[in-house]
Amino acid sequence: MLSLLLQANFEVPSMLHDLLDSEFAFLLLLGIFVLEGAMLMYFMPSELVVPGAIFVFGATVEMAILIIGIAVLGATIGQFVLFMVAKRGGREYLLRKRWFRISEERLDKFDGWFDRWGPIVVPVSNTLPFTRGMLTVPAGLSEMRPREFIALSALGTLSFETLLALLYFVVLPYL
């Protein structure tokens, strides 16, 4: 798993090395994607998680498929939690929370997108860099059914993470 990092002379702390070589590595990855989906992952850009995981765990098609599956499951869980918090707590509740780092102006912008285009913006926004998950809250504030949201969220995440994995395999050989 870590052979590429070690070959590249990266200094990996022993605790991290042991964790990434353990059976808990994929659970850790799932947790990272849950945080990313819930818009709580402030320590790294979401666009780096799948390529980084492929790099760390091994650049095979089978490993990429497993990582994409974990990404879709985790991010969808995280987005669904945020969707339900928005549905039950409401807009004002979220805006008062310190962990919710979207300004009222940006939320107004995404509300407008949802009002104009409807549920289709959920998978579209999940496919686009820098807007991932931004339509989760407007969807939660709408009359959208939870099952519909889960399907649309998973579809958008699948397309986004697949594109990132493809970019990894297409661009990396040229670096």
N, C-alpha and C. Protein backbone atom coordinates (compact mmCIF):
# COMPACT_ATOMS: atom_id res chain seq x y z
N MET A 1 0.80 -1.20 0.00
CA MET A 1 0.00 0.00 0.00
C MET A 1 0.84 1.26 0.00
N LEU A 2 1.78 1.30 0.87
CA LEU A 2 2.57 2.50 1.02
C LEU A 2 3.87 2.47 0.24
N SER A 3 4.03 1.46 -0.60
CA SER A 3 5.30 1.31 -1.30
C SER A 3 5.65 2.52 -2.16
N LEU A 4 4.65 3.12 -2.81
CA LEU A 4 4.92 4.30 -3.64
C LEU A 4 5.43 5.45 -2.80
N LEU A 5 4.83 5.66 -1.64
CA LEU A 5 5.29 6.74 -0.77
C LEU A 5 6.71 6.47 -0.30
N LEU A 6 6.99 5.24 0.08
CA LEU A 6 8.30 4.90 0.58
C LEU A 6 9.35 4.98 -0.53
N GLN A 7 8.99 4.56 -1.76
CA GLN A 7 9.91 4.65 -2.88
C GLN A 7 10.21 6.11 -3.22
N ALA A 8 9.24 6.99 -3.00
CA ALA A 8 9.44 8.40 -3.29
C ALA A 8 10.16 9.12 -2.15
N ASN A 9 10.62 8.36 -1.16
CA ASN A 9 11.35 8.89 -0.01
C ASN A 9 10.53 9.84 0.84
N PHE A 10 9.21 9.64 0.89
CA PHE A 10 8.38 10.41 1.80
C PHE A 10 8.61 9.86 3.21
N GLU A 11 8.69 10.74 4.16
CA GLU A 11 8.84 10.34 5.56
C GLU A 11 7.45 10.16 6.14
N VAL A 12 7.01 8.92 6.30
CA VAL A 12 5.69 8.62 6.82
C VAL A 12 5.83 8.27 8.30
N PRO A 13 5.17 9.02 9.20
CA PRO A 13 5.24 8.67 10.62
C PRO A 13 4.79 7.23 10.85
N SER A 14 5.44 6.55 11.79
CA SER A 14 5.16 5.13 11.99
C SER A 14 3.69 4.87 12.36
N MET A 15 3.09 5.75 13.16
CA MET A 15 1.68 5.55 13.51
C MET A 15 0.78 5.62 12.27
N LEU A 16 1.05 6.57 11.39
CA LEU A 16 0.27 6.69 10.15
C LEU A 16 0.55 5.50 9.24
N HIS A 17 1.79 5.08 9.16
CA HIS A 17 2.15 3.92 8.35
C HIS A 17 1.38 2.69 8.82
N ASP A 18 1.36 2.47 10.14
CA ASP A 18 0.65 1.31 10.70
C ASP A 18 -0.86 1.39 10.43
N LEU A 19 -1.43 2.58 10.56
CA LEU A 19 -2.87 2.75 10.31
C LEU A 19 -3.20 2.48 8.85
N LEU A 20 -2.41 3.02 7.93
CA LEU A 20 -2.69 2.84 6.51
C LEU A 20 -2.44 1.42 6.03
N ASP A 21 -1.65 0.67 6.77
CA ASP A 21 -1.42 -0.73 6.42
C ASP A 21 -2.37 -1.67 7.17
N SER A 22 -3.25 -1.12 7.98
CA SER A 22 -4.15 -1.96 8.77
C SER A 22 -5.50 -2.13 8.08
N GLU A 23 -6.32 -2.99 8.69
CA GLU A 23 -7.68 -3.21 8.17
C GLU A 23 -8.58 -2.00 8.42
N PHE A 24 -8.11 -1.02 9.19
CA PHE A 24 -8.91 0.16 9.47
C PHE A 24 -8.70 1.28 8.46
N ALA A 25 -7.79 1.09 7.52
CA ALA A 25 -7.47 2.14 6.55
C ALA A 25 -8.70 2.56 5.74
N PHE A 26 -9.48 1.59 5.29
CA PHE A 26 -10.64 1.93 4.47
C PHE A 26 -11.76 2.53 5.31
N LEU A 27 -11.83 2.17 6.61
CA LEU A 27 -12.79 2.83 7.49
C LEU A 27 -12.41 4.30 7.71
N LEU A 28 -11.12 4.55 7.83
CA LEU A 28 -10.63 5.93 7.94
C LEU A 28 -11.00 6.70 6.67
N LEU A 29 -10.80 6.09 5.52
CA LEU A 29 -11.15 6.73 4.25
C LEU A 29 -12.65 7.01 4.19
N LEU A 30 -13.46 6.06 4.62
CA LEU A 30 -14.91 6.26 4.66
C LEU A 30 -15.26 7.45 5.55
N GLY A 31 -14.63 7.54 6.71
CA GLY A 31 -14.86 8.66 7.62
C GLY A 31 -14.49 10.00 7.00
N ILE A 32 -13.40 10.02 6.27
CA ILE A 32 -12.99 11.26 5.58
C ILE A 32 -14.07 11.67 4.58
N PHE A 33 -14.61 10.71 3.85
CA PHE A 33 -15.64 11.04 2.87
C PHE A 33 -16.96 11.45 3.52
N VAL A 34 -17.28 10.89 4.67
CA VAL A 34 -18.48 11.33 5.40
C VAL A 34 -18.31 12.80 5.78
N LEU A 35 -17.14 13.15 6.32
CA LEU A 35 -16.87 14.55 6.66
C LEU A 35 -16.93 15.45 5.43
N GLU A 36 -16.37 14.98 4.33
CA GLU A 36 -16.39 15.76 3.09
C GLU A 36 -17.82 15.98 2.63
N GLY A 37 -18.63 14.95 2.66
CA GLY A 37 -20.02 15.07 2.23
C GLY A 37 -20.83 16.00 3.10
N ALA A 38 -20.53 16.01 4.39
CA ALA A 38 -21.25 16.87 5.33
C ALA A 38 -20.68 18.29 5.36
N MET A 39 -19.73 18.55 4.47
CA MET A 39 -19.07 19.86 4.37
C MET A 39 -18.34 20.23 5.65
N LEU A 40 -17.73 19.24 6.28
CA LEU A 40 -16.98 19.47 7.52
C LEU A 40 -15.49 19.17 7.37
N MET A 41 -15.05 18.91 6.16
CA MET A 41 -13.64 18.58 5.96
C MET A 41 -12.89 19.82 5.52
N TYR A 42 -12.37 20.53 6.50
CA TYR A 42 -11.70 21.79 6.22
C TYR A 42 -10.19 21.63 6.09
N PHE A 43 -9.67 20.44 6.33
CA PHE A 43 -8.23 20.27 6.37
C PHE A 43 -7.61 19.92 5.02
N MET A 44 -8.42 19.63 4.01
CA MET A 44 -7.89 19.39 2.67
C MET A 44 -8.99 19.52 1.63
N PRO A 45 -8.62 19.93 0.42
CA PRO A 45 -9.62 20.04 -0.65
C PRO A 45 -10.17 18.66 -1.03
N SER A 46 -11.47 18.59 -1.22
CA SER A 46 -12.09 17.31 -1.56
C SER A 46 -11.60 16.77 -2.89
N GLU A 47 -11.12 17.65 -3.76
CA GLU A 47 -10.62 17.22 -5.07
C GLU A 47 -9.33 16.40 -4.97
N LEU A 48 -8.69 16.40 -3.80
CA LEU A 48 -7.45 15.65 -3.64
C LEU A 48 -7.63 14.28 -2.98
N VAL A 49 -8.81 14.00 -2.43
CA VAL A 49 -8.97 12.79 -1.63
C VAL A 49 -8.89 11.52 -2.50
N VAL A 50 -9.65 11.43 -3.56
CA VAL A 50 -9.61 10.22 -4.39
C VAL A 50 -8.25 10.05 -5.06
N PRO A 51 -7.71 11.07 -5.71
CA PRO A 51 -6.36 10.86 -6.28
C PRO A 51 -5.32 10.50 -5.21
N GLY A 52 -5.40 11.13 -4.05
CA GLY A 52 -4.47 10.81 -2.97
C GLY A 52 -4.64 9.38 -2.48
N ALA A 53 -5.88 8.93 -2.35
CA ALA A 53 -6.13 7.56 -1.91
C ALA A 53 -5.63 6.55 -2.94
N ILE A 54 -5.84 6.84 -4.20
CA ILE A 54 -5.34 5.95 -5.25
C ILE A 54 -3.81 5.89 -5.19
N PHE A 55 -3.20 7.03 -4.98
CA PHE A 55 -1.74 7.08 -4.87
C PHE A 55 -1.25 6.24 -3.69
N VAL A 56 -1.90 6.41 -2.54
CA VAL A 56 -1.46 5.72 -1.32
C VAL A 56 -1.77 4.23 -1.35
N PHE A 57 -2.97 3.86 -1.79
CA PHE A 57 -3.39 2.46 -1.70
C PHE A 57 -3.01 1.63 -2.91
N GLY A 58 -2.64 2.26 -4.00
CA GLY A 58 -2.22 1.52 -5.17
C GLY A 58 -3.00 1.91 -6.40
N ALA A 59 -2.28 2.19 -7.46
CA ALA A 59 -2.89 2.71 -8.68
C ALA A 59 -3.31 1.58 -9.61
N THR A 60 -4.27 0.78 -9.16
CA THR A 60 -4.84 -0.24 -10.02
C THR A 60 -6.30 0.12 -10.27
N VAL A 61 -6.83 -0.40 -11.34
CA VAL A 61 -8.24 -0.14 -11.66
C VAL A 61 -9.14 -0.69 -10.55
N GLU A 62 -8.81 -1.87 -10.06
CA GLU A 62 -9.62 -2.48 -9.00
C GLU A 62 -9.62 -1.63 -7.74
N MET A 63 -8.45 -1.11 -7.37
CA MET A 63 -8.35 -0.27 -6.17
C MET A 63 -9.10 1.04 -6.40
N ALA A 64 -9.01 1.59 -7.59
CA ALA A 64 -9.73 2.84 -7.90
C ALA A 64 -11.23 2.63 -7.78
N ILE A 65 -11.72 1.50 -8.25
CA ILE A 65 -13.16 1.20 -8.15
C ILE A 65 -13.57 1.09 -6.69
N LEU A 66 -12.76 0.41 -5.87
CA LEU A 66 -13.05 0.30 -4.44
C LEU A 66 -13.06 1.68 -3.78
N ILE A 67 -12.08 2.50 -4.09
CA ILE A 67 -12.00 3.83 -3.51
C ILE A 67 -13.18 4.69 -3.95
N ILE A 68 -13.56 4.60 -5.20
CA ILE A 68 -14.73 5.36 -5.68
C ILE A 68 -15.99 4.89 -4.95
N GLY A 69 -16.13 3.60 -4.76
CA GLY A 69 -17.28 3.07 -4.02
C GLY A 69 -17.33 3.60 -2.60
N ILE A 70 -16.18 3.61 -1.93
CA ILE A 70 -16.11 4.15 -0.57
C ILE A 70 -16.44 5.64 -0.59
N ALA A 71 -15.96 6.35 -1.59
CA ALA A 71 -16.22 7.79 -1.71
C ALA A 71 -17.71 8.07 -1.87
N VAL A 72 -18.35 7.31 -2.75
CA VAL A 72 -19.79 7.51 -2.99
C VAL A 72 -20.58 7.21 -1.72
N LEU A 73 -20.28 6.11 -1.07
CA LEU A 73 -20.99 5.75 0.16
C LEU A 73 -20.77 6.81 1.24
N GLY A 74 -19.53 7.16 1.50
CA GLY A 74 -19.23 8.11 2.57
C GLY A 74 -19.78 9.49 2.31
N ALA A 75 -19.54 10.03 1.12
CA ALA A 75 -20.02 11.38 0.81
C ALA A 75 -21.54 11.44 0.81
N THR A 76 -22.18 10.38 0.34
CA THR A 76 -23.65 10.36 0.33
C THR A 76 -24.18 10.33 1.76
N ILE A 77 -23.56 9.56 2.63
CA ILE A 77 -23.97 9.55 4.04
C ILE A 77 -23.82 10.95 4.62
N GLY A 78 -22.66 11.57 4.41
CA GLY A 78 -22.42 12.91 4.94
C GLY A 78 -23.40 13.93 4.40
N GLN A 79 -23.65 13.89 3.10
CA GLN A 79 -24.60 14.84 2.52
C GLN A 79 -26.01 14.59 3.03
N PHE A 80 -26.36 13.32 3.21
CA PHE A 80 -27.70 13.03 3.72
C PHE A 80 -27.88 13.56 5.13
N VAL A 81 -26.85 13.44 5.96
CA VAL A 81 -26.93 13.98 7.32
C VAL A 81 -27.15 15.50 7.25
N LEU A 82 -26.38 16.19 6.41
CA LEU A 82 -26.55 17.64 6.26
C LEU A 82 -27.93 17.97 5.70
N PHE A 83 -28.39 17.20 4.74
CA PHE A 83 -29.73 17.36 4.16
C PHE A 83 -30.79 17.29 5.26
N MET A 84 -30.69 16.28 6.13
CA MET A 84 -31.67 16.11 7.20
C MET A 84 -31.56 17.21 8.27
N VAL A 85 -30.34 17.66 8.55
CA VAL A 85 -30.18 18.78 9.49
C VAL A 85 -30.86 20.02 8.92
N ALA A 86 -30.68 20.27 7.62
CA ALA A 86 -31.34 21.41 6.98
C ALA A 86 -32.85 21.24 7.01
N LYS A 87 -33.33 20.04 6.71
CA LYS A 87 -34.77 19.78 6.66
C LYS A 87 -35.41 19.97 8.05
N ARG A 88 -34.74 19.48 9.07
CA ARG A 88 -35.31 19.55 10.43
C ARG A 88 -34.99 20.85 11.15
N GLY A 89 -33.77 21.36 10.95
CA GLY A 89 -33.35 22.56 11.68
C GLY A 89 -33.70 23.85 11.00
N GLY A 90 -33.69 23.84 9.68
CA GLY A 90 -34.01 25.05 8.92
C GLY A 90 -32.79 25.92 8.64
N ARG A 91 -33.03 26.87 7.82
CA ARG A 91 -31.99 27.78 7.33
C ARG A 91 -31.34 28.58 8.46
N GLU A 92 -32.15 29.20 9.29
CA GLU A 92 -31.63 30.05 10.36
C GLU A 92 -30.81 29.24 11.36
N TYR A 93 -31.24 28.03 11.64
CA TYR A 93 -30.49 27.15 12.53
C TYR A 93 -29.08 26.93 11.99
N LEU A 94 -28.97 26.59 10.70
CA LEU A 94 -27.66 26.33 10.11
C LEU A 94 -26.79 27.58 10.10
N LEU A 95 -27.37 28.71 9.75
CA LEU A 95 -26.59 29.94 9.69
C LEU A 95 -26.03 30.35 11.05
N ARG A 96 -26.66 29.92 12.12
CA ARG A 96 -26.17 30.24 13.47
C ARG A 96 -25.05 29.32 13.93
N LYS A 97 -24.85 28.19 13.27
CA LYS A 97 -23.87 27.20 13.69
C LYS A 97 -22.47 27.57 13.20
N ARG A 98 -21.50 27.51 14.08
CA ARG A 98 -20.12 27.86 13.72
C ARG A 98 -19.52 26.88 12.72
N TRP A 99 -19.91 25.62 12.78
CA TRP A 99 -19.37 24.62 11.87
C TRP A 99 -19.90 24.76 10.45
N PHE A 100 -20.99 25.49 10.29
CA PHE A 100 -21.57 25.71 8.96
C PHE A 100 -20.92 26.96 8.39
N ARG A 101 -20.01 26.79 7.48
CA ARG A 101 -19.17 27.89 7.00
C ARG A 101 -19.63 28.48 5.67
N ILE A 102 -20.91 28.52 5.45
CA ILE A 102 -21.43 29.14 4.24
C ILE A 102 -22.15 30.41 4.66
N SER A 103 -21.80 31.51 4.03
CA SER A 103 -22.43 32.78 4.38
C SER A 103 -23.87 32.81 3.87
N GLU A 104 -24.64 33.70 4.43
CA GLU A 104 -26.03 33.84 4.01
C GLU A 104 -26.11 34.24 2.54
N GLU A 105 -25.18 35.06 2.09
CA GLU A 105 -25.17 35.50 0.68
C GLU A 105 -24.92 34.32 -0.26
N ARG A 106 -23.95 33.48 0.10
CA ARG A 106 -23.68 32.30 -0.75
C ARG A 106 -24.85 31.33 -0.71
N LEU A 107 -25.45 31.17 0.46
CA LEU A 107 -26.61 30.28 0.56
C LEU A 107 -27.77 30.82 -0.28
N ASP A 108 -27.95 32.14 -0.29
CA ASP A 108 -28.97 32.75 -1.16
C ASP A 108 -28.71 32.41 -2.62
N LYS A 109 -27.44 32.47 -3.02
CA LYS A 109 -27.07 32.15 -4.40
C LYS A 109 -27.45 30.71 -4.75
N PHE A 110 -27.13 29.77 -3.86
CA PHE A 110 -27.44 28.37 -4.13
C PHE A 110 -28.94 28.08 -4.01
N ASP A 111 -29.63 28.81 -3.15
CA ASP A 111 -31.10 28.71 -3.11
C ASP A 111 -31.68 29.11 -4.46
N GLY A 112 -31.13 30.17 -5.04
CA GLY A 112 -31.59 30.63 -6.36
C GLY A 112 -31.36 29.58 -7.43
N TRP A 113 -30.21 28.93 -7.38
CA TRP A 113 -29.93 27.86 -8.35
C TRP A 113 -30.97 26.76 -8.21
N PHE A 114 -31.24 26.36 -6.97
CA PHE A 114 -32.19 25.28 -6.74
C PHE A 114 -33.59 25.69 -7.19
N ASP A 115 -33.98 26.92 -6.86
CA ASP A 115 -35.30 27.41 -7.28
C ASP A 115 -35.43 27.44 -8.79
N ARG A 116 -34.36 27.82 -9.46
CA ARG A 116 -34.42 27.95 -10.92
C ARG A 116 -34.39 26.60 -11.63
N TRP A 117 -33.51 25.70 -11.20
CA TRP A 117 -33.27 24.48 -11.94
C TRP A 117 -33.89 23.23 -11.31
N GLY A 118 -34.24 23.29 -10.04
CA GLY A 118 -34.86 22.15 -9.38
C GLY A 118 -33.86 21.09 -8.96
N PRO A 119 -34.33 19.89 -8.68
CA PRO A 119 -33.49 18.81 -8.13
C PRO A 119 -32.30 18.41 -8.99
N ILE A 120 -32.33 18.68 -10.29
CA ILE A 120 -31.23 18.27 -11.17
C ILE A 120 -29.92 18.94 -10.78
N VAL A 121 -29.99 20.07 -10.06
CA VAL A 121 -28.75 20.75 -9.67
C VAL A 121 -28.00 19.99 -8.58
N VAL A 122 -28.65 19.06 -7.89
CA VAL A 122 -27.94 18.28 -6.86
C VAL A 122 -26.83 17.44 -7.50
N PRO A 123 -27.11 16.57 -8.49
CA PRO A 123 -26.00 15.81 -9.08
C PRO A 123 -25.05 16.69 -9.89
N VAL A 124 -25.58 17.73 -10.52
CA VAL A 124 -24.72 18.62 -11.30
C VAL A 124 -23.73 19.32 -10.38
N SER A 125 -24.20 19.86 -9.27
CA SER A 125 -23.29 20.55 -8.36
C SER A 125 -22.32 19.58 -7.70
N ASN A 126 -22.73 18.35 -7.49
CA ASN A 126 -21.82 17.36 -6.91
C ASN A 126 -20.74 16.94 -7.89
N THR A 127 -20.96 17.18 -9.17
CA THR A 127 -19.99 16.82 -10.19
C THR A 127 -18.97 17.93 -10.40
N LEU A 128 -19.31 19.14 -10.05
CA LEU A 128 -18.44 20.29 -10.32
C LEU A 128 -17.51 20.59 -9.15
N PRO A 129 -16.24 20.84 -9.44
CA PRO A 129 -15.33 21.24 -8.36
C PRO A 129 -15.79 22.56 -7.74
N PHE A 130 -15.55 22.72 -6.47
CA PHE A 130 -15.82 23.94 -5.71
C PHE A 130 -17.30 24.21 -5.44
N THR A 131 -18.20 23.42 -5.99
CA THR A 131 -19.63 23.56 -5.64
C THR A 131 -20.16 22.28 -5.02
N ARG A 132 -19.28 21.28 -4.85
CA ARG A 132 -19.71 20.00 -4.30
C ARG A 132 -20.48 20.18 -3.00
N GLY A 133 -21.65 19.65 -2.98
CA GLY A 133 -22.45 19.66 -1.76
C GLY A 133 -23.17 20.95 -1.46
N MET A 134 -22.91 21.99 -2.21
CA MET A 134 -23.51 23.29 -1.91
C MET A 134 -25.02 23.30 -2.08
N LEU A 135 -25.57 22.40 -2.88
CA LEU A 135 -27.02 22.36 -3.07
C LEU A 135 -27.70 21.42 -2.09
N THR A 136 -26.93 20.82 -1.19
CA THR A 136 -27.49 19.93 -0.17
C THR A 136 -28.46 20.68 0.73
N VAL A 137 -28.06 21.85 1.18
CA VAL A 137 -28.91 22.62 2.10
C VAL A 137 -30.18 23.11 1.41
N PRO A 138 -30.09 23.74 0.22
CA PRO A 138 -31.35 24.12 -0.44
C PRO A 138 -32.26 22.92 -0.72
N ALA A 139 -31.67 21.76 -1.03
CA ALA A 139 -32.48 20.56 -1.24
C ALA A 139 -33.17 20.17 0.06
N GLY A 140 -32.45 20.25 1.17
CA GLY A 140 -33.04 19.92 2.47
C GLY A 140 -34.13 20.90 2.88
N LEU A 141 -34.00 22.13 2.46
CA LEU A 141 -35.00 23.14 2.79
C LEU A 141 -36.23 23.05 1.89
N SER A 142 -36.10 22.32 0.80
CA SER A 142 -37.21 22.17 -0.15
C SER A 142 -38.11 21.00 0.27
N GLU A 143 -38.99 20.67 -0.60
CA GLU A 143 -39.89 19.54 -0.37
C GLU A 143 -39.33 18.23 -0.93
N MET A 144 -38.06 18.22 -1.27
CA MET A 144 -37.46 17.02 -1.86
C MET A 144 -37.53 15.84 -0.88
N ARG A 145 -37.88 14.70 -1.42
CA ARG A 145 -37.95 13.48 -0.61
C ARG A 145 -36.54 12.96 -0.33
N PRO A 146 -36.31 12.42 0.85
CA PRO A 146 -34.98 11.91 1.19
C PRO A 146 -34.43 10.88 0.21
N ARG A 147 -35.25 9.95 -0.24
CA ARG A 147 -34.76 8.93 -1.19
C ARG A 147 -34.31 9.56 -2.51
N GLU A 148 -35.05 10.55 -2.97
CA GLU A 148 -34.67 11.25 -4.20
C GLU A 148 -33.33 11.95 -4.00
N PHE A 149 -33.17 12.59 -2.85
CA PHE A 149 -31.91 13.28 -2.58
C PHE A 149 -30.75 12.28 -2.55
N ILE A 150 -30.92 11.16 -1.88
CA ILE A 150 -29.85 10.17 -1.78
C ILE A 150 -29.42 9.71 -3.18
N ALA A 151 -30.39 9.41 -4.03
CA ALA A 151 -30.07 8.94 -5.39
C ALA A 151 -29.34 10.01 -6.19
N LEU A 152 -29.82 11.24 -6.12
CA LEU A 152 -29.20 12.32 -6.89
C LEU A 152 -27.82 12.67 -6.34
N SER A 153 -27.68 12.66 -5.02
CA SER A 153 -26.39 12.93 -4.39
C SER A 153 -25.37 11.87 -4.78
N ALA A 154 -25.76 10.61 -4.69
CA ALA A 154 -24.85 9.51 -5.04
C ALA A 154 -24.45 9.57 -6.51
N LEU A 155 -25.39 9.89 -7.39
CA LEU A 155 -25.09 9.99 -8.82
C LEU A 155 -24.05 11.08 -9.08
N GLY A 156 -24.23 12.23 -8.48
CA GLY A 156 -23.27 13.32 -8.66
C GLY A 156 -21.91 12.99 -8.09
N THR A 157 -21.88 12.35 -6.93
CA THR A 157 -20.61 11.98 -6.33
C THR A 157 -19.91 10.92 -7.17
N LEU A 158 -20.67 9.96 -7.68
CA LEU A 158 -20.08 8.93 -8.55
C LEU A 158 -19.43 9.57 -9.77
N SER A 159 -20.10 10.52 -10.40
CA SER A 159 -19.51 11.14 -11.59
C SER A 159 -18.28 11.96 -11.23
N PHE A 160 -18.32 12.71 -10.13
CA PHE A 160 -17.19 13.53 -9.72
C PHE A 160 -15.97 12.68 -9.38
N GLU A 161 -16.16 11.68 -8.55
CA GLU A 161 -15.04 10.85 -8.11
C GLU A 161 -14.48 10.01 -9.25
N THR A 162 -15.34 9.57 -10.17
CA THR A 162 -14.86 8.83 -11.33
C THR A 162 -14.01 9.72 -12.23
N LEU A 163 -14.45 10.96 -12.42
CA LEU A 163 -13.65 11.90 -13.21
C LEU A 163 -12.29 12.16 -12.56
N LEU A 164 -12.27 12.30 -11.24
CA LEU A 164 -11.00 12.50 -10.55
C LEU A 164 -10.07 11.30 -10.72
N ALA A 165 -10.63 10.10 -10.61
CA ALA A 165 -9.82 8.89 -10.77
C ALA A 165 -9.29 8.80 -12.20
N LEU A 166 -10.13 9.10 -13.17
CA LEU A 166 -9.68 9.08 -14.57
C LEU A 166 -8.57 10.09 -14.81
N LEU A 167 -8.73 11.28 -14.23
CA LEU A 167 -7.67 12.28 -14.36
C LEU A 167 -6.36 11.79 -13.76
N TYR A 168 -6.46 11.11 -12.63
CA TYR A 168 -5.26 10.55 -12.00
C TYR A 168 -4.54 9.61 -12.97
N PHE A 169 -5.29 8.71 -13.59
CA PHE A 169 -4.67 7.73 -14.48
C PHE A 169 -4.22 8.34 -15.80
N VAL A 170 -4.85 9.40 -16.25
CA VAL A 170 -4.49 10.01 -17.53
C VAL A 170 -3.36 11.03 -17.36
N VAL A 171 -3.41 11.83 -16.29
CA VAL A 171 -2.44 12.92 -16.12
C VAL A 171 -1.16 12.45 -15.46
N LEU A 172 -1.24 11.59 -14.46
CA LEU A 172 -0.05 11.20 -13.69
C LEU A 172 1.08 10.64 -14.55
N PRO A 173 0.79 9.80 -15.53
CA PRO A 173 1.91 9.27 -16.32
C PRO A 173 2.75 10.36 -17.01
N TYR A 174 2.18 11.55 -17.19
CA TYR A 174 2.90 12.62 -17.88
C TYR A 174 3.64 13.54 -16.92
N LEU A 175 3.51 13.29 -15.62
CA LEU A 175 4.21 14.15 -14.65
C LEU A 175 5.58 13.61 -14.32
